[in-house]
Amino acid sequence: MSDRIDITLTINGERHDIRVEPRKTLADAIRDDCGWTGTHLGCEHGVCGACTVIVDGATVRSCLMFAVQADGASIRTVEGLAQGETLHPLQEAFIANHALQCGFCTPGFLMLAAGAIERNPRMSDAELIEVLSSNLCRCTGYENIVKAVRAAMNQMQA
């Protein structure tokens, strides 16, 4: 299939008018066509969560969504968390709580957590663990990721 479709993606407030093949994933369009490389591709089967972004307020696995499905949508990637030089509380908490090692899965965890906190800022520990269990990390053992998200939630509520 070589017919391309004109679409508009708004990523972190920046409009991108691009032309894509209908089969191109949102993850590939974000990275290759729009230049936002913080979204990582891991398994490309929707299992690992490294490609998690927020589309119109919902967390999605961008490797499972076609770019054409996001035409006109508001997309937030990990680059959209910080406000200029000021890190988001989740980013600060990941650093302070040693919640990353190699860092490959970190953007997906940050976006997953950001979306979950926006939907439910007062999650219980059980709810938080349930949410975070949908993403994979091969380095940290998850405990510090849970601690970091809980610390960010507490800071954001204060």
C-alpha atoms as a PDB file:
ATOM      1  CA  MET A   1       0.000   0.000   0.000  1.00  0.00           C
ATOM      2  CA  SER A   2       1.667   3.198  -1.090  1.00  0.00           C
ATOM      3  CA  ASP A   3      -1.197   5.692  -1.095  1.00  0.00           C
ATOM      4  CA  ARG A   4      -0.467   8.294   1.524  1.00  0.00           C
ATOM      5  CA  ILE A   5      -2.985  10.250   3.559  1.00  0.00           C
ATOM      6  CA  ASP A   6      -2.604  13.803   4.818  1.00  0.00           C
ATOM      7  CA  ILE A   7      -3.149  14.041   8.576  1.00  0.00           C
ATOM      8  CA  THR A   8      -2.558  16.534  11.336  1.00  0.00           C
ATOM      9  CA  LEU A   9      -1.053  15.475  14.658  1.00  0.00           C
ATOM     10  CA  THR A  10      -0.811  17.957  17.499  1.00  0.00           C
ATOM     11  CA  ILE A  11       2.010  16.738  19.713  1.00  0.00           C
ATOM     12  CA  ASN A  12       2.791  18.584  22.941  1.00  0.00           C
ATOM     13  CA  GLY A  13       0.926  21.582  21.549  1.00  0.00           C
ATOM     14  CA  GLU A  14       2.874  21.634  18.272  1.00  0.00           C
ATOM     15  CA  ARG A  15       0.975  21.033  15.044  1.00  0.00           C
ATOM     16  CA  HIS A  16       2.447  18.598  12.509  1.00  0.00           C
ATOM     17  CA  ASP A  17       0.898  18.286   9.055  1.00  0.00           C
ATOM     18  CA  ILE A  18       2.261  15.039   7.676  1.00  0.00           C
ATOM     19  CA  ARG A  19       1.565  12.530   4.923  1.00  0.00           C
ATOM     20  CA  VAL A  20       1.584   8.866   5.973  1.00  0.00           C
ATOM     21  CA  GLU A  21       0.719   5.458   4.676  1.00  0.00           C
ATOM     22  CA  PRO A  22      -2.488   4.210   6.329  1.00  0.00           C
ATOM     23  CA  ARG A  23      -0.562   1.337   7.949  1.00  0.00           C
ATOM     24  CA  LYS A  24       2.008   3.569   9.687  1.00  0.00           C
ATOM     25  CA  THR A  25       1.806   3.347  13.463  1.00  0.00           C
ATOM     26  CA  LEU A  26       1.353   6.393  15.632  1.00  0.00           C
ATOM     27  CA  ALA A  27       4.664   5.571  17.344  1.00  0.00           C
ATOM     28  CA  ASP A  28       6.524   5.650  14.038  1.00  0.00           C
ATOM     29  CA  ALA A  29       4.806   8.874  12.948  1.00  0.00           C
ATOM     30  CA  ILE A  30       5.616  10.563  16.268  1.00  0.00           C
ATOM     31  CA  ARG A  31       9.274   9.573  16.026  1.00  0.00           C
ATOM     32  CA  ASP A  32      10.028   9.556  12.298  1.00  0.00           C
ATOM     33  CA  ASP A  33       7.717  12.183  10.858  1.00  0.00           C
ATOM     34  CA  CYS A  34       7.403  14.604  13.761  1.00  0.00           C
ATOM     35  CA  GLY A  35      10.796  14.248  15.468  1.00  0.00           C
ATOM     36  CA  TRP A  36       9.607  13.499  19.010  1.00  0.00           C
ATOM     37  CA  THR A  37      11.982  10.651  19.859  1.00  0.00           C
ATOM     38  CA  GLY A  38      11.200  10.286  23.572  1.00  0.00           C
ATOM     39  CA  THR A  39       8.526   7.721  22.722  1.00  0.00           C
ATOM     40  CA  HIS A  40      10.342   4.392  22.582  1.00  0.00           C
ATOM     41  CA  LEU A  41       9.510   1.297  20.605  1.00  0.00           C
ATOM     42  CA  GLY A  42      10.083  -1.938  22.461  1.00  0.00           C
ATOM     43  CA  CYS A  43       8.093  -5.003  21.569  1.00  0.00           C
ATOM     44  CA  GLU A  44       5.875  -3.403  18.882  1.00  0.00           C
ATOM     45  CA  HIS A  45       3.069  -5.726  20.045  1.00  0.00           C
ATOM     46  CA  GLY A  46       1.525  -3.568  22.780  1.00  0.00           C
ATOM     47  CA  VAL A  47       2.954  -5.676  25.579  1.00  0.00           C
ATOM     48  CA  CYS A  48       5.848  -3.674  27.052  1.00  0.00           C
ATOM     49  CA  GLY A  49       4.350  -0.169  27.263  1.00  0.00           C
ATOM     50  CA  ALA A  50       7.533   1.693  26.250  1.00  0.00           C
ATOM     51  CA  CYS A  51       5.521   3.500  23.563  1.00  0.00           C
ATOM     52  CA  THR A  52       2.780   4.770  25.892  1.00  0.00           C
ATOM     53  CA  VAL A  53       1.516   8.266  25.075  1.00  0.00           C
ATOM     54  CA  ILE A  54      -1.615  10.217  25.979  1.00  0.00           C
ATOM     55  CA  VAL A  55      -4.096  10.794  23.142  1.00  0.00           C
ATOM     56  CA  ASP A  56      -7.027  13.080  23.931  1.00  0.00           C
ATOM     57  CA  GLY A  57      -6.621  12.270  27.625  1.00  0.00           C
ATOM     58  CA  ALA A  58      -6.371   8.495  27.273  1.00  0.00           C
ATOM     59  CA  THR A  59      -3.165   6.496  27.634  1.00  0.00           C
ATOM     60  CA  VAL A  60      -2.528   4.403  24.542  1.00  0.00           C
ATOM     61  CA  ARG A  61       0.125   2.064  23.230  1.00  0.00           C
ATOM     62  CA  SER A  62       1.215   4.067  20.216  1.00  0.00           C
ATOM     63  CA  CYS A  63       2.619   0.970  18.510  1.00  0.00           C
ATOM     64  CA  LEU A  64      -0.921  -0.438  18.318  1.00  0.00           C
ATOM     65  CA  MET A  65      -2.599   2.683  16.971  1.00  0.00           C
ATOM     66  CA  PHE A  66      -2.380   3.844  13.385  1.00  0.00           C
ATOM     67  CA  ALA A  67      -1.321   7.440  12.866  1.00  0.00           C
ATOM     68  CA  VAL A  68      -4.446   8.066  10.783  1.00  0.00           C
ATOM     69  CA  GLN A  69      -6.563   7.170  13.833  1.00  0.00           C
ATOM     70  CA  ALA A  70      -4.975  10.095  15.687  1.00  0.00           C
ATOM     71  CA  ASP A  71      -5.686  12.637  12.953  1.00  0.00           C
ATOM     72  CA  GLY A  72      -6.762  15.837  14.699  1.00  0.00           C
ATOM     73  CA  ALA A  73      -6.083  14.467  18.172  1.00  0.00           C
ATOM     74  CA  SER A  74      -4.083  16.095  20.938  1.00  0.00           C
ATOM     75  CA  ILE A  75      -1.096  13.892  21.747  1.00  0.00           C
ATOM     76  CA  ARG A  76       1.208  14.211  24.726  1.00  0.00           C
ATOM     77  CA  THR A  77       4.581  12.500  24.834  1.00  0.00           C
ATOM     78  CA  VAL A  78       7.215  12.411  27.547  1.00  0.00           C
ATOM     79  CA  GLU A  79       8.720  15.596  26.114  1.00  0.00           C
ATOM     80  CA  GLY A  80       5.462  17.347  26.996  1.00  0.00           C
ATOM     81  CA  LEU A  81       5.659  16.627  30.733  1.00  0.00           C
ATOM     82  CA  ALA A  82       8.235  19.237  31.712  1.00  0.00           C
ATOM     83  CA  GLN A  83       7.409  22.933  31.620  1.00  0.00           C
ATOM     84  CA  GLY A  84      10.494  24.394  29.991  1.00  0.00           C
ATOM     85  CA  GLU A  85      13.406  23.645  32.306  1.00  0.00           C
ATOM     86  CA  THR A  86      11.083  22.681  35.189  1.00  0.00           C
ATOM     87  CA  LEU A  87      10.627  18.947  35.441  1.00  0.00           C
ATOM     88  CA  HIS A  88       7.222  17.420  36.093  1.00  0.00           C
ATOM     89  CA  PRO A  89       6.832  16.037  39.646  1.00  0.00           C
ATOM     90  CA  LEU A  90       6.879  12.515  38.187  1.00  0.00           C
ATOM     91  CA  GLN A  91      10.215  13.149  36.494  1.00  0.00           C
ATOM     92  CA  GLU A  92      11.657  14.599  39.691  1.00  0.00           C
ATOM     93  CA  ALA A  93      10.350  11.656  41.709  1.00  0.00           C
ATOM     94  CA  PHE A  94      11.828   9.113  39.290  1.00  0.00           C
ATOM     95  CA  ILE A  95      15.221  10.740  39.766  1.00  0.00           C
ATOM     96  CA  ALA A  96      14.921  11.105  43.551  1.00  0.00           C
ATOM     97  CA  ASN A  97      13.693   7.529  44.059  1.00  0.00           C
ATOM     98  CA  HIS A  98      16.116   5.819  41.659  1.00  0.00           C
ATOM     99  CA  ALA A  99      13.176   4.578  39.581  1.00  0.00           C
ATOM    100  CA  LEU A 100      15.195   4.142  36.424  1.00  0.00           C
ATOM    101  CA  GLN A 101      18.288   2.307  35.412  1.00  0.00           C
ATOM    102  CA  CYS A 102      18.771   1.909  31.680  1.00  0.00           C
ATOM    103  CA  GLY A 103      15.901   4.348  31.098  1.00  0.00           C
ATOM    104  CA  PHE A 104      14.410   2.627  28.069  1.00  0.00           C
ATOM    105  CA  CYS A 105      11.032   1.975  29.685  1.00  0.00           C
ATOM    106  CA  THR A 106      10.966   5.261  31.611  1.00  0.00           C
ATOM    107  CA  PRO A 107       9.064   7.410  29.074  1.00  0.00           C
ATOM    108  CA  GLY A 108       6.300   4.814  28.898  1.00  0.00           C
ATOM    109  CA  PHE A 109       6.066   4.567  32.683  1.00  0.00           C
ATOM    110  CA  LEU A 110       6.005   8.354  33.040  1.00  0.00           C
ATOM    111  CA  MET A 111       3.173   8.717  30.538  1.00  0.00           C
ATOM    112  CA  LEU A 112       1.253   5.770  31.986  1.00  0.00           C
ATOM    113  CA  ALA A 113       1.552   7.276  35.480  1.00  0.00           C
ATOM    114  CA  ALA A 114       0.691  10.799  34.305  1.00  0.00           C
ATOM    115  CA  GLY A 115      -2.477   9.559  32.639  1.00  0.00           C
ATOM    116  CA  ALA A 116      -3.461   7.458  35.649  1.00  0.00           C
ATOM    117  CA  ILE A 117      -2.909  10.330  38.078  1.00  0.00           C
ATOM    118  CA  GLU A 118      -4.953  12.677  35.894  1.00  0.00           C
ATOM    119  CA  ARG A 119      -7.829  10.200  35.942  1.00  0.00           C
ATOM    120  CA  ASN A 120      -7.513   9.247  39.617  1.00  0.00           C
ATOM    121  CA  PRO A 121      -5.200  11.476  41.692  1.00  0.00           C
ATOM    122  CA  ARG A 122      -5.965   9.558  44.886  1.00  0.00           C
ATOM    123  CA  MET A 123      -5.228   5.987  43.809  1.00  0.00           C
ATOM    124  CA  SER A 124      -4.722   3.406  46.499  1.00  0.00           C
ATOM    125  CA  ASP A 125      -1.476   1.451  46.535  1.00  0.00           C
ATOM    126  CA  ALA A 126      -3.300  -1.560  45.095  1.00  0.00           C
ATOM    127  CA  GLU A 127      -4.719   0.546  42.246  1.00  0.00           C
ATOM    128  CA  LEU A 128      -1.322   2.092  41.575  1.00  0.00           C
ATOM    129  CA  ILE A 129       0.382  -1.312  41.417  1.00  0.00           C
ATOM    130  CA  GLU A 130      -2.363  -2.590  39.111  1.00  0.00           C
ATOM    131  CA  VAL A 131      -1.862   0.346  36.724  1.00  0.00           C
ATOM    132  CA  LEU A 132       1.934   0.117  36.706  1.00  0.00           C
ATOM    133  CA  SER A 133       1.903  -3.659  36.224  1.00  0.00           C
ATOM    134  CA  SER A 134       0.808  -3.155  32.618  1.00  0.00           C
ATOM    135  CA  ASN A 135       4.263  -1.860  31.611  1.00  0.00           C
ATOM    136  CA  LEU A 136       7.459  -3.889  31.600  1.00  0.00           C
ATOM    137  CA  CYS A 137      10.861  -3.017  33.032  1.00  0.00           C
ATOM    138  CA  ARG A 138      13.819  -5.371  32.831  1.00  0.00           C
ATOM    139  CA  CYS A 139      16.094  -3.432  35.211  1.00  0.00           C
ATOM    140  CA  THR A 140      14.494  -1.889  38.279  1.00  0.00           C
ATOM    141  CA  GLY A 141      12.348  -4.520  39.941  1.00  0.00           C
ATOM    142  CA  TYR A 142       9.407  -2.042  39.970  1.00  0.00           C
ATOM    143  CA  GLU A 143       9.530  -1.171  43.674  1.00  0.00           C
ATOM    144  CA  ASN A 144      11.262   2.157  43.116  1.00  0.00           C
ATOM    145  CA  ILE A 145       8.914   2.965  40.244  1.00  0.00           C
ATOM    146  CA  VAL A 146       5.938   2.500  42.580  1.00  0.00           C
ATOM    147  CA  LYS A 147       7.670   4.595  45.262  1.00  0.00           C
ATOM    148  CA  ALA A 148       8.399   7.346  42.746  1.00  0.00           C
ATOM    149  CA  VAL A 149       4.842   7.541  41.446  1.00  0.00           C
ATOM    150  CA  ARG A 150       3.470   7.542  45.000  1.00  0.00           C
ATOM    151  CA  ALA A 151       5.902  10.354  45.954  1.00  0.00           C
ATOM    152  CA  ALA A 152       4.842  12.382  42.910  1.00  0.00           C
ATOM    153  CA  MET A 153       1.178  11.838  43.744  1.00  0.00           C
ATOM    154  CA  ASN A 154       1.754  13.046  47.300  1.00  0.00           C
ATOM    155  CA  GLN A 155       3.652  16.104  46.079  1.00  0.00           C
ATOM    156  CA  MET A 156       0.961  16.935  43.517  1.00  0.00           C
ATOM    157  CA  GLN A 157      -1.787  16.676  46.161  1.00  0.00           C
ATOM    158  CA  ALA A 158       0.039  18.971  48.592  1.00  0.00           C
END
